[in-house]
Amino acid sequence: MNGKSIQIIGNSNILSDLIQNRIKDRMIHSITNNANADLAIYFILEKKLEREIITPSIIIRPWKKDIVPYNLENCIELHLKDPLIIDSEGVWGPSDIFEWISALNSNSSINLDNYQIRYWASIKDIVSLIETLIELPKIPTLVSDVCGRRPWLANDVFSELEMLWRRINNVKNNKIDLDDLEVKSLPITNIKINSKPSNLSKLHNLIKPINEKGWAPNTPLRISLMECLEEMISI
């Protein structure tokens, strides 16, 4: 495996730091500020591209209903849809998780009917995806959404979050009980989807020769929610 020089440009909620740290930890590729890098990874918010991109690149953008692809040659453009992260402003991902944890923390009521169905994708799976794309021998021209494979109702996710919140607080207060120790299955409601889910086939087929499984997110929702709780508690 040949090492590449990689330039990371722009910032996201947390993803850019995680990717940069992961590249450094693996010690296969190097991070550089040199504009002549082998590969550039861009985090871009702007609706209309206002810069010239000539280096083979991975462009990461937050998904919007009206998003217009840049369609640049030798660029993989990823639209992050429903990343499971803490984002109070709802810029790089839905603000749902932040709002739900805030409601639990303040013991406030919240109307879950106001929240739409999400295709949550773990930040770990997204970082792993970027790692896989870096290993491509040549960067193709491709545009794809990035999201989870299955739909989640707000009620189901909040129920899981509420259970984890209860456990954390009971441990802190030395009030752990049998209910906290019980291994419970995730609440899953059968959902009828009227809207068409994102087409992930091009992304899946692109990375399958590299990782042998394609785009197959495998981080349990419970783990991702626990990481979000830990992040909120440390704020």
Protein backbone atom coordinates (compact mmCIF):
# COMPACT_ATOMS: atom_id res chain seq x y z
CA MET A 1 0.00 0.00 0.00
CA ASN A 2 1.54 3.28 -1.14
CA GLY A 3 1.35 6.23 1.21
CA LYS A 4 -0.40 9.38 0.01
CA SER A 5 -0.03 13.00 1.02
CA ILE A 6 -3.44 14.32 2.03
CA GLN A 7 -4.56 17.89 2.49
CA ILE A 8 -7.65 18.48 4.66
CA ILE A 9 -9.46 21.74 3.96
CA GLY A 10 -12.37 23.18 5.94
CA ASN A 11 -14.03 22.08 9.15
CA SER A 12 -17.10 20.12 10.14
CA ASN A 13 -18.81 19.50 13.46
CA ILE A 14 -16.34 16.80 14.54
CA LEU A 15 -15.75 14.67 11.46
CA SER A 16 -12.74 16.56 10.07
CA ASP A 17 -10.80 16.12 13.33
CA LEU A 18 -11.67 12.44 13.55
CA ILE A 19 -10.51 11.79 10.00
CA GLN A 20 -7.29 13.72 10.49
CA ASN A 21 -6.53 11.85 13.72
CA ARG A 22 -7.32 8.51 12.11
CA ILE A 23 -4.95 9.19 9.21
CA LYS A 24 -2.18 10.15 11.64
CA ASP A 25 -2.81 7.11 13.86
CA ARG A 26 -2.58 4.65 10.98
CA MET A 27 0.77 6.15 9.86
CA ILE A 28 0.27 5.00 6.27
CA HIS A 29 -0.56 8.37 4.74
CA SER A 30 0.61 11.83 5.73
CA ILE A 31 -1.24 15.08 6.39
CA THR A 32 0.14 18.09 4.54
CA ASN A 33 -0.69 21.74 3.88
CA ASN A 34 0.90 21.47 0.45
CA ALA A 35 -1.48 22.35 -2.38
CA ASN A 36 0.24 19.67 -4.50
CA ALA A 37 -0.97 16.86 -2.25
CA ASP A 38 -1.91 13.53 -3.80
CA LEU A 39 -5.44 13.88 -2.44
CA ALA A 40 -7.53 16.65 -0.91
CA ILE A 41 -10.45 16.19 1.49
CA TYR A 42 -12.80 19.18 1.54
CA PHE A 43 -15.52 20.03 4.04
CA ILE A 44 -17.70 22.56 2.26
CA LEU A 45 -20.88 24.33 3.33
CA GLU A 46 -21.26 26.73 0.41
CA LYS A 47 -24.19 26.10 -1.91
CA LYS A 48 -22.30 27.31 -4.95
CA LEU A 49 -18.65 26.39 -5.24
CA GLU A 50 -16.51 29.50 -5.01
CA ARG A 51 -13.08 27.94 -5.35
CA GLU A 52 -11.12 26.04 -7.95
CA ILE A 53 -10.51 22.37 -7.23
CA ILE A 54 -8.01 20.61 -9.48
CA THR A 55 -6.54 18.00 -7.12
CA PRO A 56 -8.25 14.58 -6.95
CA SER A 57 -10.60 15.15 -4.05
CA ILE A 58 -13.19 13.85 -1.65
CA ILE A 59 -15.73 16.62 -1.06
CA ILE A 60 -17.95 16.30 2.00
CA ARG A 61 -21.09 18.41 2.25
CA PRO A 62 -24.13 18.37 4.55
CA TRP A 63 -27.19 17.02 2.76
CA LYS A 64 -30.02 19.40 1.90
CA LYS A 65 -33.26 18.75 0.02
CA ASP A 66 -32.30 21.28 -2.61
CA ILE A 67 -28.58 20.47 -2.78
CA VAL A 68 -27.02 20.89 -6.22
CA PRO A 69 -23.96 18.70 -6.87
CA TYR A 70 -20.74 20.36 -7.99
CA ASN A 71 -20.10 17.47 -10.42
CA LEU A 72 -16.33 17.98 -10.60
CA GLU A 73 -14.03 15.64 -12.50
CA ASN A 74 -11.92 13.27 -10.36
CA CYS A 75 -13.93 14.16 -7.27
CA ILE A 76 -16.06 12.03 -4.99
CA GLU A 77 -18.80 14.26 -3.60
CA LEU A 78 -20.51 12.95 -0.49
CA HIS A 79 -23.70 14.46 0.92
CA LEU A 80 -23.94 13.56 4.61
CA LYS A 81 -27.54 12.76 5.45
CA ASP A 82 -28.54 11.99 9.05
CA PRO A 83 -25.10 11.54 10.64
CA LEU A 84 -25.66 10.62 14.27
CA ILE A 85 -23.78 13.47 15.92
CA ILE A 86 -24.28 16.27 18.41
CA ASP A 87 -25.08 19.34 16.30
CA SER A 88 -27.04 22.00 18.17
CA GLU A 89 -27.36 24.18 15.07
CA GLY A 90 -28.32 21.38 12.68
CA VAL A 91 -25.58 22.37 10.21
CA TRP A 92 -23.72 19.11 9.55
CA GLY A 93 -26.44 16.84 10.83
CA PRO A 94 -29.91 16.93 12.40
CA SER A 95 -30.18 18.69 15.75
CA ASP A 96 -32.49 15.90 17.00
CA ILE A 97 -29.99 14.17 19.30
CA PHE A 98 -28.85 17.44 20.89
CA GLU A 99 -32.46 18.47 21.53
CA TRP A 100 -33.44 15.09 22.99
CA ILE A 101 -30.47 14.92 25.38
CA SER A 102 -31.09 18.54 26.40
CA ALA A 103 -34.72 17.64 27.15
CA LEU A 104 -33.67 14.66 29.25
CA ASN A 105 -31.12 16.75 31.10
CA SER A 106 -33.67 19.46 31.94
CA ASN A 107 -36.51 16.97 32.48
CA SER A 108 -38.53 18.78 29.82
CA SER A 109 -41.27 17.29 27.69
CA ILE A 110 -40.73 16.97 23.96
CA ASN A 111 -43.13 16.24 21.12
CA LEU A 112 -41.53 13.41 19.17
CA ASP A 113 -44.19 13.64 16.46
CA ASN A 114 -42.40 16.78 15.27
CA TYR A 115 -39.35 14.75 14.25
CA GLN A 116 -39.08 13.02 10.91
CA ILE A 117 -37.90 9.52 10.11
CA ARG A 118 -34.10 9.38 9.96
CA TYR A 119 -31.58 7.11 8.28
CA TRP A 120 -28.99 7.50 11.03
CA ALA A 121 -25.36 6.84 10.15
CA SER A 122 -22.70 6.38 12.82
CA ILE A 123 -19.77 8.78 12.75
CA LYS A 124 -17.49 5.74 13.07
CA ASP A 125 -18.93 4.22 9.91
CA ILE A 126 -18.50 7.51 8.06
CA VAL A 127 -14.86 7.78 9.13
CA SER A 128 -14.33 4.19 8.00
CA LEU A 129 -15.91 5.06 4.65
CA ILE A 130 -13.49 7.98 4.13
CA GLU A 131 -10.58 5.70 5.04
CA THR A 132 -11.71 3.23 2.38
CA LEU A 133 -12.10 5.94 -0.27
CA ILE A 134 -8.55 7.14 0.43
CA GLU A 135 -7.29 3.70 -0.60
CA LEU A 136 -8.81 3.92 -4.09
CA PRO A 137 -5.98 3.81 -6.65
CA LYS A 138 -7.74 6.53 -8.64
CA ILE A 139 -10.44 8.97 -7.57
CA PRO A 140 -13.44 8.72 -9.92
CA THR A 141 -16.19 11.24 -10.57
CA LEU A 142 -19.06 10.29 -8.27
CA VAL A 143 -21.84 11.96 -6.28
CA SER A 144 -23.66 10.09 -3.52
CA ASP A 145 -25.64 10.56 -0.34
CA VAL A 146 -24.21 8.96 2.78
CA CYS A 147 -26.72 7.65 5.31
CA GLY A 148 -27.78 4.52 7.13
CA ARG A 149 -29.54 1.61 5.47
CA ARG A 150 -32.64 1.48 7.66
CA PRO A 151 -35.22 4.06 8.76
CA TRP A 152 -35.67 5.00 12.42
CA LEU A 153 -38.69 6.51 14.11
CA ALA A 154 -37.99 9.27 16.63
CA ASN A 155 -39.96 7.40 19.30
CA ASP A 156 -37.75 4.31 19.01
CA VAL A 157 -34.47 6.22 19.13
CA PHE A 158 -35.62 8.44 21.99
CA SER A 159 -36.76 5.40 23.96
CA GLU A 160 -33.26 3.92 23.65
CA LEU A 161 -31.66 7.23 24.54
CA GLU A 162 -33.91 7.56 27.58
CA MET A 163 -32.90 4.09 28.78
CA LEU A 164 -29.18 4.92 28.44
CA TRP A 165 -29.69 8.26 30.19
CA ARG A 166 -31.38 6.50 33.10
CA ARG A 167 -28.49 4.03 33.43
CA ILE A 168 -25.87 6.79 33.43
CA ASN A 169 -27.64 8.76 36.11
CA ASN A 170 -28.29 5.70 38.28
CA VAL A 171 -24.61 4.74 38.10
CA LYS A 172 -23.58 8.29 39.06
CA ASN A 173 -25.99 8.23 42.02
CA ASN A 174 -25.19 4.64 43.05
CA LYS A 175 -28.77 3.61 42.39
CA ILE A 176 -28.15 0.87 39.83
CA ASP A 177 -30.90 -1.78 39.83
CA LEU A 178 -31.86 -4.97 38.00
CA ASP A 179 -33.67 -2.99 35.33
CA ASP A 180 -30.43 -1.17 34.49
CA LEU A 181 -28.47 -4.43 34.31
CA GLU A 182 -30.96 -6.11 31.98
CA VAL A 183 -29.81 -6.40 28.37
CA LYS A 184 -32.73 -5.06 26.39
CA SER A 185 -33.33 -5.29 22.68
CA LEU A 186 -33.72 -2.12 20.69
CA PRO A 187 -37.30 -0.94 20.15
CA ILE A 188 -38.03 -1.31 16.45
CA THR A 189 -41.34 -0.22 14.94
CA ASN A 190 -42.36 -1.39 11.49
CA ILE A 191 -42.36 1.66 9.26
CA LYS A 192 -44.13 2.30 5.98
CA ILE A 193 -42.01 4.71 3.97
CA ASN A 194 -43.75 6.89 1.43
CA SER A 195 -40.65 8.76 0.30
CA LYS A 196 -37.90 7.12 -1.74
CA PRO A 197 -34.71 6.40 0.27
CA SER A 198 -31.31 7.54 -0.94
CA ASN A 199 -29.71 5.49 -3.70
CA LEU A 200 -26.48 4.14 -2.19
CA SER A 201 -25.67 1.63 -4.93
CA LYS A 202 -22.93 3.64 -6.67
CA LEU A 203 -21.11 4.27 -3.40
CA HIS A 204 -21.57 0.64 -2.36
CA ASN A 205 -20.20 -0.71 -5.65
CA LEU A 206 -17.27 1.72 -5.61
CA ILE A 207 -15.85 0.61 -2.27
CA LYS A 208 -16.78 -3.09 -2.34
CA PRO A 209 -13.59 -4.13 -4.20
CA ILE A 210 -11.58 -2.35 -1.49
CA ASN A 211 -13.28 -3.50 1.75
CA GLU A 212 -15.17 -6.55 0.36
CA LYS A 213 -18.47 -5.45 1.92
CA GLY A 214 -19.36 -2.14 0.30
CA TRP A 215 -21.34 0.46 2.24
CA ALA A 216 -22.56 -1.68 5.11
CA PRO A 217 -22.75 0.40 8.29
CA ASN A 218 -22.31 -1.89 11.29
CA THR A 219 -21.96 0.34 14.36
CA PRO A 220 -24.88 -0.41 16.70
CA LEU A 221 -27.23 2.52 17.29
CA ARG A 222 -26.82 2.01 21.05
CA ILE A 223 -23.05 2.60 20.81
CA SER A 224 -23.49 5.79 18.79
CA LEU A 225 -26.09 7.14 21.24
CA MET A 226 -23.83 6.34 24.18
CA GLU A 227 -20.99 8.29 22.55
CA CYS A 228 -23.33 11.24 22.04
CA LEU A 229 -24.35 11.13 25.70
CA GLU A 230 -20.71 11.07 26.77
CA GLU A 231 -19.97 14.06 24.54
CA MET A 232 -22.92 16.05 25.90
CA ILE A 233 -22.04 15.23 29.50
CA SER A 234 -18.48 16.47 28.94
CA ILE A 235 -19.62 19.80 27.39
